[in-house]
Amino acid sequence: MPDLRLGDVIDDYCVKCRRLTNHSIVSLMNGSAAKVRCRTCYNDHDYRNEQAPPTKKELARQKELYNEVLSGVAPAAEAAVADPPPPADKKKKK
């Protein structure tokens, strides 16, 4: 990647515009863009490496997959809890 400087124009996903637009670099960290400003709406945000956030459908699918994995693990854990060892008989003193 070429040397980046403040004010250089790069492409990034704008959270406010909800699309890929031109951005100006506002701050740099370790030689890469940290914060950028959209040249369309002038909104400042963290540099997202041209990646859009996941859609609600994608998040819902991830949640479904996570729950499927947990349901496969949960029966083994429930079986261990469902069969506790029998209590030891304790004789009461009179």
PDB file of N, CA and C in Angstrom:
ATOM      1  N   MET A   1       0.850  -1.170   0.000  1.00  0.00           N
ATOM      2  CA  MET A   1       0.000   0.000   0.000  1.00  0.00           C
ATOM      3  C   MET A   1       0.899   1.237   0.000  1.00  0.00           C
ATOM      4  N   PRO A   2       0.571   2.226  -0.801  1.00  0.00           N
ATOM      5  CA  PRO A   2       1.404   3.427  -0.859  1.00  0.00           C
ATOM      6  C   PRO A   2       1.331   4.197   0.463  1.00  0.00           C
ATOM      7  N   ASP A   3       2.307   5.069   0.664  1.00  0.00           N
ATOM      8  CA  ASP A   3       2.318   5.888   1.872  1.00  0.00           C
ATOM      9  C   ASP A   3       1.102   6.796   1.888  1.00  0.00           C
ATOM     10  N   LEU A   4       0.366   6.738   2.960  1.00  0.00           N
ATOM     11  CA  LEU A   4      -0.824   7.567   3.107  1.00  0.00           C
ATOM     12  C   LEU A   4      -0.472   8.829   3.881  1.00  0.00           C
ATOM     13  N   ARG A   5      -1.149   9.918   3.525  1.00  0.00           N
ATOM     14  CA  ARG A   5      -0.950  11.189   4.216  1.00  0.00           C
ATOM     15  C   ARG A   5      -2.317  11.761   4.575  1.00  0.00           C
ATOM     16  N   LEU A   6      -2.327  12.675   5.538  1.00  0.00           N
ATOM     17  CA  LEU A   6      -3.572  13.339   5.906  1.00  0.00           C
ATOM     18  C   LEU A   6      -4.136  14.062   4.694  1.00  0.00           C
ATOM     19  N   GLY A   7      -5.428  13.936   4.484  1.00  0.00           N
ATOM     20  CA  GLY A   7      -6.086  14.601   3.369  1.00  0.00           C
ATOM     21  C   GLY A   7      -6.165  13.767   2.112  1.00  0.00           C
ATOM     22  N   ASP A   8      -5.445  12.655   2.050  1.00  0.00           N
ATOM     23  CA  ASP A   8      -5.542  11.787   0.874  1.00  0.00           C
ATOM     24  C   ASP A   8      -6.970  11.257   0.737  1.00  0.00           C
ATOM     25  N   VAL A   9      -7.364  10.998  -0.498  1.00  0.00           N
ATOM     26  CA  VAL A   9      -8.705  10.496  -0.776  1.00  0.00           C
ATOM     27  C   VAL A   9      -8.641   8.989  -0.960  1.00  0.00           C
ATOM     28  N   ILE A  10      -9.469   8.276  -0.195  1.00  0.00           N
ATOM     29  CA  ILE A  10      -9.568   6.818  -0.302  1.00  0.00           C
ATOM     30  C   ILE A  10     -11.043   6.432  -0.291  1.00  0.00           C
ATOM     31  N   ASP A  11     -11.342   5.222  -0.741  1.00  0.00           N
ATOM     32  CA  ASP A  11     -12.710   4.712  -0.715  1.00  0.00           C
ATOM     33  C   ASP A  11     -12.952   4.019   0.615  1.00  0.00           C
ATOM     34  N   ASP A  12     -14.157   4.183   1.146  1.00  0.00           N
ATOM     35  CA  ASP A  12     -14.553   3.496   2.370  1.00  0.00           C
ATOM     36  C   ASP A  12     -16.074   3.453   2.439  1.00  0.00           C
ATOM     37  N   TYR A  13     -16.597   2.572   3.269  1.00  0.00           N
ATOM     38  CA  TYR A  13     -18.039   2.478   3.461  1.00  0.00           C
ATOM     39  C   TYR A  13     -18.470   3.559   4.451  1.00  0.00           C
ATOM     40  N   CYS A  14     -19.414   4.406   4.031  1.00  0.00           N
ATOM     41  CA  CYS A  14     -19.925   5.465   4.903  1.00  0.00           C
ATOM     42  C   CYS A  14     -21.143   4.946   5.649  1.00  0.00           C
ATOM     43  N   VAL A  15     -21.104   5.065   6.975  1.00  0.00           N
ATOM     44  CA  VAL A  15     -22.192   4.585   7.806  1.00  0.00           C
ATOM     45  C   VAL A  15     -23.444   5.430   7.595  1.00  0.00           C
ATOM     46  N   LYS A  16     -23.263   6.721   7.413  1.00  0.00           N
ATOM     47  CA  LYS A  16     -24.408   7.622   7.263  1.00  0.00           C
ATOM     48  C   LYS A  16     -25.027   7.508   5.869  1.00  0.00           C
ATOM     49  N   CYS A  17     -24.204   7.501   4.833  1.00  0.00           N
ATOM     50  CA  CYS A  17     -24.709   7.378   3.452  1.00  0.00           C
ATOM     51  C   CYS A  17     -25.134   5.950   3.120  1.00  0.00           C
ATOM     52  N   ARG A  18     -24.596   4.990   3.857  1.00  0.00           N
ATOM     53  CA  ARG A  18     -24.843   3.561   3.637  1.00  0.00           C
ATOM     54  C   ARG A  18     -24.402   3.093   2.258  1.00  0.00           C
ATOM     55  N   ARG A  19     -23.231   3.550   1.837  1.00  0.00           N
ATOM     56  CA  ARG A  19     -22.668   3.100   0.563  1.00  0.00           C
ATOM     57  C   ARG A  19     -21.180   3.407   0.540  1.00  0.00           C
ATOM     58  N   LEU A  20     -20.512   2.875  -0.446  1.00  0.00           N
ATOM     59  CA  LEU A  20     -19.088   3.085  -0.628  1.00  0.00           C
ATOM     60  C   LEU A  20     -18.873   4.433  -1.310  1.00  0.00           C
ATOM     61  N   THR A  21     -18.154   5.341  -0.648  1.00  0.00           N
ATOM     62  CA  THR A  21     -17.932   6.683  -1.183  1.00  0.00           C
ATOM     63  C   THR A  21     -16.473   7.087  -0.988  1.00  0.00           C
ATOM     64  N   ASN A  22     -16.108   8.235  -1.560  1.00  0.00           N
ATOM     65  CA  ASN A  22     -14.782   8.801  -1.355  1.00  0.00           C
ATOM     66  C   ASN A  22     -14.701   9.400   0.049  1.00  0.00           C
ATOM     67  N   HIS A  23     -13.555   9.233   0.668  1.00  0.00           N
ATOM     68  CA  HIS A  23     -13.312   9.762   1.997  1.00  0.00           C
ATOM     69  C   HIS A  23     -11.947  10.433   2.033  1.00  0.00           C
ATOM     70  N   SER A  24     -11.815  11.422   2.897  1.00  0.00           N
ATOM     71  CA  SER A  24     -10.526  12.058   3.154  1.00  0.00           C
ATOM     72  C   SER A  24      -9.993  11.515   4.469  1.00  0.00           C
ATOM     73  N   ILE A  25      -8.695  11.269   4.520  1.00  0.00           N
ATOM     74  CA  ILE A  25      -8.078  10.761   5.742  1.00  0.00           C
ATOM     75  C   ILE A  25      -7.973  11.905   6.749  1.00  0.00           C
ATOM     76  N   VAL A  26      -8.494  11.665   7.944  1.00  0.00           N
ATOM     77  CA  VAL A  26      -8.471  12.674   9.001  1.00  0.00           C
ATOM     78  C   VAL A  26      -7.367  12.368  10.007  1.00  0.00           C
ATOM     79  N   SER A  27      -7.135  11.089  10.301  1.00  0.00           N
ATOM     80  CA  SER A  27      -6.047  10.734  11.211  1.00  0.00           C
ATOM     81  C   SER A  27      -5.414   9.413  10.777  1.00  0.00           C
ATOM     82  N   LEU A  28      -4.135   9.282  11.126  1.00  0.00           N
ATOM     83  CA  LEU A  28      -3.356   8.093  10.786  1.00  0.00           C
ATOM     84  C   LEU A  28      -2.863   7.430  12.060  1.00  0.00           C
ATOM     85  N   MET A  29      -2.742   6.097  12.016  1.00  0.00           N
ATOM     86  CA  MET A  29      -2.161   5.362  13.123  1.00  0.00           C
ATOM     87  C   MET A  29      -1.319   4.235  12.541  1.00  0.00           C
ATOM     88  N   ASN A  30      -0.051   4.215  12.872  1.00  0.00           N
ATOM     89  CA  ASN A  30       0.888   3.199  12.382  1.00  0.00           C
ATOM     90  C   ASN A  30       0.913   3.143  10.859  1.00  0.00           C
ATOM     91  N   GLY A  31       0.817   4.283  10.200  1.00  0.00           N
ATOM     92  CA  GLY A  31       0.925   4.355   8.754  1.00  0.00           C
ATOM     93  C   GLY A  31      -0.337   4.006   7.988  1.00  0.00           C
ATOM     94  N   SER A  32      -1.418   3.692   8.686  1.00  0.00           N
ATOM     95  CA  SER A  32      -2.677   3.402   7.990  1.00  0.00           C
ATOM     96  C   SER A  32      -3.764   4.344   8.508  1.00  0.00           C
ATOM     97  N   ALA A  33      -4.815   4.488   7.722  1.00  0.00           N
ATOM     98  CA  ALA A  33      -5.896   5.403   8.076  1.00  0.00           C
ATOM     99  C   ALA A  33      -6.608   4.905   9.334  1.00  0.00           C
ATOM    100  N   ALA A  34      -6.861   5.808  10.271  1.00  0.00           N
ATOM    101  CA  ALA A  34      -7.601   5.473  11.488  1.00  0.00           C
ATOM    102  C   ALA A  34      -8.991   6.082  11.434  1.00  0.00           C
ATOM    103  N   LYS A  35      -9.077   7.349  11.074  1.00  0.00           N
ATOM    104  CA  LYS A  35     -10.364   8.033  10.942  1.00  0.00           C
ATOM    105  C   LYS A  35     -10.428   8.685   9.578  1.00  0.00           C
ATOM    106  N   VAL A  36     -11.637   8.694   9.016  1.00  0.00           N
ATOM    107  CA  VAL A  36     -11.850   9.285   7.701  1.00  0.00           C
ATOM    108  C   VAL A  36     -13.096  10.168   7.732  1.00  0.00           C
ATOM    109  N   ARG A  37     -13.205  11.071   6.755  1.00  0.00           N
ATOM    110  CA  ARG A  37     -14.364  11.958   6.615  1.00  0.00           C
ATOM    111  C   ARG A  37     -14.957  11.740   5.234  1.00  0.00           C
ATOM    112  N   CYS A  38     -16.250  11.428   5.207  1.00  0.00           N
ATOM    113  CA  CYS A  38     -16.957  11.225   3.950  1.00  0.00           C
ATOM    114  C   CYS A  38     -16.985  12.542   3.181  1.00  0.00           C
ATOM    115  N   ARG A  39     -16.661  12.488   1.900  1.00  0.00           N
ATOM    116  CA  ARG A  39     -16.660  13.699   1.082  1.00  0.00           C
ATOM    117  C   ARG A  39     -18.046  14.022   0.533  1.00  0.00           C
ATOM    118  N   THR A  40     -19.034  13.178   0.831  1.00  0.00           N
ATOM    119  CA  THR A  40     -20.412  13.437   0.404  1.00  0.00           C
ATOM    120  C   THR A  40     -21.219  14.087   1.527  1.00  0.00           C
ATOM    121  N   CYS A  41     -21.180  13.485   2.720  1.00  0.00           N
ATOM    122  CA  CYS A  41     -21.995  13.991   3.837  1.00  0.00           C
ATOM    123  C   CYS A  41     -21.159  14.622   4.951  1.00  0.00           C
ATOM    124  N   TYR A  42     -19.831  14.564   4.842  1.00  0.00           N
ATOM    125  CA  TYR A  42     -18.886  15.143   5.804  1.00  0.00           C
ATOM    126  C   TYR A  42     -18.975  14.509   7.187  1.00  0.00           C
ATOM    127  N   ASN A  43     -19.371  13.262   7.249  1.00  0.00           N
ATOM    128  CA  ASN A  43     -19.432  12.526   8.511  1.00  0.00           C
ATOM    129  C   ASN A  43     -18.070  11.898   8.790  1.00  0.00           C
ATOM    130  N   ASP A  44     -17.556  12.085  10.018  1.00  0.00           N
ATOM    131  CA  ASP A  44     -16.300  11.458  10.434  1.00  0.00           C
ATOM    132  C   ASP A  44     -16.595  10.117  11.087  1.00  0.00           C
ATOM    133  N   HIS A  45     -15.798   9.107  10.764  1.00  0.00           N
ATOM    134  CA  HIS A  45     -15.945   7.795  11.386  1.00  0.00           C
ATOM    135  C   HIS A  45     -14.646   7.025  11.257  1.00  0.00           C
ATOM    136  N   ASP A  46     -14.562   5.908  11.974  1.00  0.00           N
ATOM    137  CA  ASP A  46     -13.389   5.038  11.890  1.00  0.00           C
ATOM    138  C   ASP A  46     -13.293   4.449  10.491  1.00  0.00           C
ATOM    139  N   TYR A  47     -12.065   4.214  10.059  1.00  0.00           N
ATOM    140  CA  TYR A  47     -11.843   3.600   8.753  1.00  0.00           C
ATOM    141  C   TYR A  47     -12.283   2.143   8.820  1.00  0.00           C
ATOM    142  N   ARG A  48     -13.126   1.708   7.893  1.00  0.00           N
ATOM    143  CA  ARG A  48     -13.724   0.385   7.905  1.00  0.00           C
ATOM    144  C   ARG A  48     -13.141  -0.556   6.863  1.00  0.00           C
ATOM    145  N   ASN A  49     -12.066  -0.188   6.228  1.00  0.00           N
ATOM    146  CA  ASN A  49     -11.421  -1.034   5.214  1.00  0.00           C
ATOM    147  C   ASN A  49     -12.377  -1.431   4.101  1.00  0.00           C
ATOM    148  N   GLU A  50     -13.245  -0.523   3.708  1.00  0.00           N
ATOM    149  CA  GLU A  50     -14.193  -0.714   2.609  1.00  0.00           C
ATOM    150  C   GLU A  50     -15.156  -1.865   2.856  1.00  0.00           C
ATOM    151  N   GLN A  51     -15.435  -2.207   4.122  1.00  0.00           N
ATOM    152  CA  GLN A  51     -16.338  -3.308   4.429  1.00  0.00           C
ATOM    153  C   GLN A  51     -17.603  -2.768   5.074  1.00  0.00           C
ATOM    154  N   ALA A  52     -18.740  -3.161   4.532  1.00  0.00           N
ATOM    155  CA  ALA A  52     -20.026  -2.762   5.087  1.00  0.00           C
ATOM    156  C   ALA A  52     -20.329  -3.615   6.312  1.00  0.00           C
ATOM    157  N   PRO A  53     -21.029  -3.070   7.299  1.00  0.00           N
ATOM    158  CA  PRO A  53     -21.420  -3.889   8.452  1.00  0.00           C
ATOM    159  C   PRO A  53     -22.415  -4.950   8.024  1.00  0.00           C
ATOM    160  N   PRO A  54     -22.527  -6.034   8.781  1.00  0.00           N
ATOM    161  CA  PRO A  54     -23.462  -7.097   8.400  1.00  0.00           C
ATOM    162  C   PRO A  54     -24.910  -6.605   8.432  1.00  0.00           C
ATOM    163  N   THR A  55     -25.726  -7.138   7.537  1.00  0.00           N
ATOM    164  CA  THR A  55     -27.138  -6.765   7.492  1.00  0.00           C
ATOM    165  C   THR A  55     -27.879  -7.473   8.638  1.00  0.00           C
ATOM    166  N   LYS A  56     -29.121  -7.070   8.865  1.00  0.00           N
ATOM    167  CA  LYS A  56     -29.921  -7.696   9.915  1.00  0.00           C
ATOM    168  C   LYS A  56     -30.178  -9.166   9.602  1.00  0.00           C
ATOM    169  N   LYS A  57     -30.327  -9.489   8.322  1.00  0.00           N
ATOM    170  CA  LYS A  57     -30.531 -10.892   7.931  1.00  0.00           C
ATOM    171  C   LYS A  57     -29.291 -11.720   8.251  1.00  0.00           C
ATOM    172  N   GLU A  58     -28.113 -11.163   7.968  1.00  0.00           N
ATOM    173  CA  GLU A  58     -26.873 -11.879   8.260  1.00  0.00           C
ATOM    174  C   GLU A  58     -26.712 -12.075   9.765  1.00  0.00           C
ATOM    175  N   LEU A  59     -27.039 -11.048  10.554  1.00  0.00           N
ATOM    176  CA  LEU A  59     -26.948 -11.164  12.007  1.00  0.00           C
ATOM    177  C   LEU A  59     -27.931 -12.206  12.537  1.00  0.00           C
ATOM    178  N   ALA A  60     -29.138 -12.241  11.968  1.00  0.00           N
ATOM    179  CA  ALA A  60     -30.132 -13.223  12.389  1.00  0.00           C
ATOM    180  C   ALA A  60     -29.657 -14.634  12.059  1.00  0.00           C
ATOM    181  N   ARG A  61     -29.059 -14.812  10.893  1.00  0.00           N
ATOM    182  CA  ARG A  61     -28.542 -16.133  10.500  1.00  0.00           C
ATOM    183  C   ARG A  61     -27.413 -16.567  11.428  1.00  0.00           C
ATOM    184  N   GLN A  62     -26.534 -15.634  11.794  1.00  0.00           N
ATOM    185  CA  GLN A  62     -25.449 -15.959  12.717  1.00  0.00           C
ATOM    186  C   GLN A  62     -26.011 -16.383  14.071  1.00  0.00           C
ATOM    187  N   LYS A  63     -27.061 -15.707  14.521  1.00  0.00           N
ATOM    188  CA  LYS A  63     -27.683 -16.050  15.795  1.00  0.00           C
ATOM    189  C   LYS A  63     -28.306 -17.439  15.731  1.00  0.00           C
ATOM    190  N   GLU A  64     -28.967 -17.765  14.597  1.00  0.00           N
ATOM    191  CA  GLU A  64     -29.555 -19.094  14.425  1.00  0.00           C
ATOM    192  C   GLU A  64     -28.476 -20.172  14.481  1.00  0.00           C
ATOM    193  N   LEU A  65     -27.381 -19.953  13.772  1.00  0.00           N
ATOM    194  CA  LEU A  65     -26.292 -20.931  13.771  1.00  0.00           C
ATOM    195  C   LEU A  65     -25.710 -21.101  15.167  1.00  0.00           C
ATOM    196  N   TYR A  66     -25.548 -20.010  15.886  1.00  0.00           N
ATOM    197  CA  TYR A  66     -25.019 -20.052  17.243  1.00  0.00           C
ATOM    198  C   TYR A  66     -25.945 -20.867  18.144  1.00  0.00           C
ATOM    199  N   ASN A  67     -27.258 -20.634  18.017  1.00  0.00           N
ATOM    200  CA  ASN A  67     -28.221 -21.373  18.830  1.00  0.00           C
ATOM    201  C   ASN A  67     -28.237 -22.851  18.470  1.00  0.00           C
ATOM    202  N   GLU A  68     -28.039 -23.185  17.190  1.00  0.00           N
ATOM    203  CA  GLU A  68     -27.965 -24.591  16.781  1.00  0.00           C
ATOM    204  C   GLU A  68     -26.769 -25.281  17.427  1.00  0.00           C
ATOM    205  N   VAL A  69     -25.650 -24.591  17.449  1.00  0.00           N
ATOM    206  CA  VAL A  69     -24.450 -25.155  18.069  1.00  0.00           C
ATOM    207  C   VAL A  69     -24.692 -25.361  19.559  1.00  0.00           C
ATOM    208  N   LEU A  70     -25.291 -24.371  20.207  1.00  0.00           N
ATOM    209  CA  LEU A  70     -25.561 -24.496  21.636  1.00  0.00           C
ATOM    210  C   LEU A  70     -26.549 -25.614  21.934  1.00  0.00           C
ATOM    211  N   SER A  71     -27.534 -25.816  21.067  1.00  0.00           N
ATOM    212  CA  SER A  71     -28.506 -26.882  21.306  1.00  0.00           C
ATOM    213  C   SER A  71     -27.840 -28.254  21.201  1.00  0.00           C
ATOM    214  N   GLY A  72     -26.815 -28.367  20.387  1.00  0.00           N
ATOM    215  CA  GLY A  72     -26.077 -29.623  20.286  1.00  0.00           C
ATOM    216  C   GLY A  72     -25.218 -29.885  21.508  1.00  0.00           C
ATOM    217  N   VAL A  73     -24.766 -28.831  22.160  1.00  0.00           N
ATOM    218  CA  VAL A  73     -23.909 -28.962  23.340  1.00  0.00           C
ATOM    219  C   VAL A  73     -24.761 -29.060  24.601  1.00  0.00           C
ATOM    220  N   ALA A  74     -25.895 -28.392  24.635  1.00  0.00           N
ATOM    221  CA  ALA A  74     -26.722 -28.297  25.833  1.00  0.00           C
ATOM    222  C   ALA A  74     -27.235 -29.641  26.336  1.00  0.00           C
ATOM    223  N   PRO A  75     -27.670 -30.601  25.493  1.00  0.00           N
ATOM    224  CA  PRO A  75     -28.169 -31.871  26.045  1.00  0.00           C
ATOM    225  C   PRO A  75     -27.129 -32.604  26.878  1.00  0.00           C
ATOM    226  N   ALA A  76     -25.876 -32.584  26.501  1.00  0.00           N
ATOM    227  CA  ALA A  76     -24.838 -33.249  27.281  1.00  0.00           C
ATOM    228  C   ALA A  76     -24.672 -32.567  28.630  1.00  0.00           C
ATOM    229  N   ALA A  77     -24.733 -31.246  28.634  1.00  0.00           N
ATOM    230  CA  ALA A  77     -24.598 -30.509  29.884  1.00  0.00           C
ATOM    231  C   ALA A  77     -25.821 -30.737  30.769  1.00  0.00           C
ATOM    232  N   GLU A  78     -27.021 -30.792  30.172  1.00  0.00           N
ATOM    233  CA  GLU A  78     -28.240 -31.014  30.943  1.00  0.00           C
ATOM    234  C   GLU A  78     -28.263 -32.424  31.530  1.00  0.00           C
ATOM    235  N   ALA A  79     -27.738 -33.396  30.784  1.00  0.00           N
ATOM    236  CA  ALA A  79     -27.711 -34.768  31.280  1.00  0.00           C
ATOM    237  C   ALA A  79     -26.820 -34.865  32.510  1.00  0.00           C
ATOM    238  N   ALA A  80     -25.731 -34.162  32.515  1.00  0.00           N
ATOM    239  CA  ALA A  80     -24.834 -34.183  33.665  1.00  0.00           C
ATOM    240  C   ALA A  80     -25.497 -33.541  34.873  1.00  0.00           C
ATOM    241  N   VAL A  81     -26.273 -32.499  34.654  1.00  0.00           N
ATOM    242  CA  VAL A  81     -26.959 -31.822  35.743  1.00  0.00           C
ATOM    243  C   VAL A  81     -28.196 -32.602  36.168  1.00  0.00           C
ATOM    244  N   ALA A  82     -28.882 -33.256  35.240  1.00  0.00           N
ATOM    245  CA  ALA A  82     -30.118 -33.970  35.525  1.00  0.00           C
ATOM    246  C   ALA A  82     -29.879 -35.204  36.395  1.00  0.00           C
ATOM    247  N   ASP A  83     -28.725 -35.831  36.324  1.00  0.00           N
ATOM    248  CA  ASP A  83     -28.430 -37.031  37.109  1.00  0.00           C
ATOM    249  C   ASP A  83     -27.403 -36.726  38.194  1.00  0.00           C
ATOM    250  N   PRO A  84     -27.810 -36.003  39.240  1.00  0.00           N
ATOM    251  CA  PRO A  84     -26.844 -35.735  40.303  1.00  0.00           C
ATOM    252  C   PRO A  84     -26.610 -37.013  41.116  1.00  0.00           C
ATOM    253  N   PRO A  85     -25.508 -37.118  41.784  1.00  0.00           N
ATOM    254  CA  PRO A  85     -25.245 -38.325  42.580  1.00  0.00           C
ATOM    255  C   PRO A  85     -26.256 -38.413  43.733  1.00  0.00           C
ATOM    256  N   PRO A  86     -26.612 -39.625  44.122  1.00  0.00           N
ATOM    257  CA  PRO A  86     -27.588 -39.764  45.204  1.00  0.00           C
ATOM    258  C   PRO A  86     -27.007 -39.213  46.506  1.00  0.00           C
ATOM    259  N   PRO A  87     -27.859 -38.604  47.320  1.00  0.00           N
ATOM    260  CA  PRO A  87     -27.358 -38.047  48.572  1.00  0.00           C
ATOM    261  C   PRO A  87     -26.974 -39.171  49.531  1.00  0.00           C
ATOM    262  N   ALA A  88     -25.954 -38.914  50.303  1.00  0.00           N
ATOM    263  CA  ALA A  88     -25.517 -39.898  51.295  1.00  0.00           C
ATOM    264  C   ALA A  88     -26.491 -39.889  52.466  1.00  0.00           C
ATOM    265  N   ASP A  89     -26.799 -41.086  52.972  1.00  0.00           N
ATOM    266  CA  ASP A  89     -27.721 -41.169  54.109  1.00  0.00           C
ATOM    267  C   ASP A  89     -27.007 -40.706  55.363  1.00  0.00           C
ATOM    268  N   LYS A  90     -27.576 -39.730  55.971  1.00  0.00           N
ATOM    269  CA  LYS A  90     -27.024 -39.241  57.227  1.00  0.00           C
ATOM    270  C   LYS A  90     -28.011 -39.591  58.329  1.00  0.00           C
ATOM    271  N   LYS A  91     -27.474 -40.192  59.336  1.00  0.00           N
ATOM    272  CA  LYS A  91     -28.316 -40.575  60.467  1.00  0.00           C
ATOM    273  C   LYS A  91     -28.378 -39.402  61.426  1.00  0.00           C
ATOM    274  N   LYS A  92     -29.578 -39.125  61.857  1.00  0.00           N
ATOM    275  CA  LYS A  92     -29.753 -38.032  62.807  1.00  0.00           C
ATOM    276  C   LYS A  92     -29.525 -38.548  64.210  1.00  0.00           C
ATOM    277  N   LYS A  93     -28.852 -37.743  64.982  1.00  0.00           N
ATOM    278  CA  LYS A  93     -28.632 -38.102  66.381  1.00  0.00           C
ATOM    279  C   LYS A  93     -29.821 -37.640  67.186  1.00  0.00           C
ATOM    280  N   LYS A  94     -30.218 -38.472  68.127  1.00  0.00           N
ATOM    281  CA  LYS A  94     -31.357 -38.127  68.982  1.00  0.00           C
ATOM    282  C   LYS A  94     -30.905 -37.684  70.315  1.00  0.00           C
TER     283      LYS A  94
END
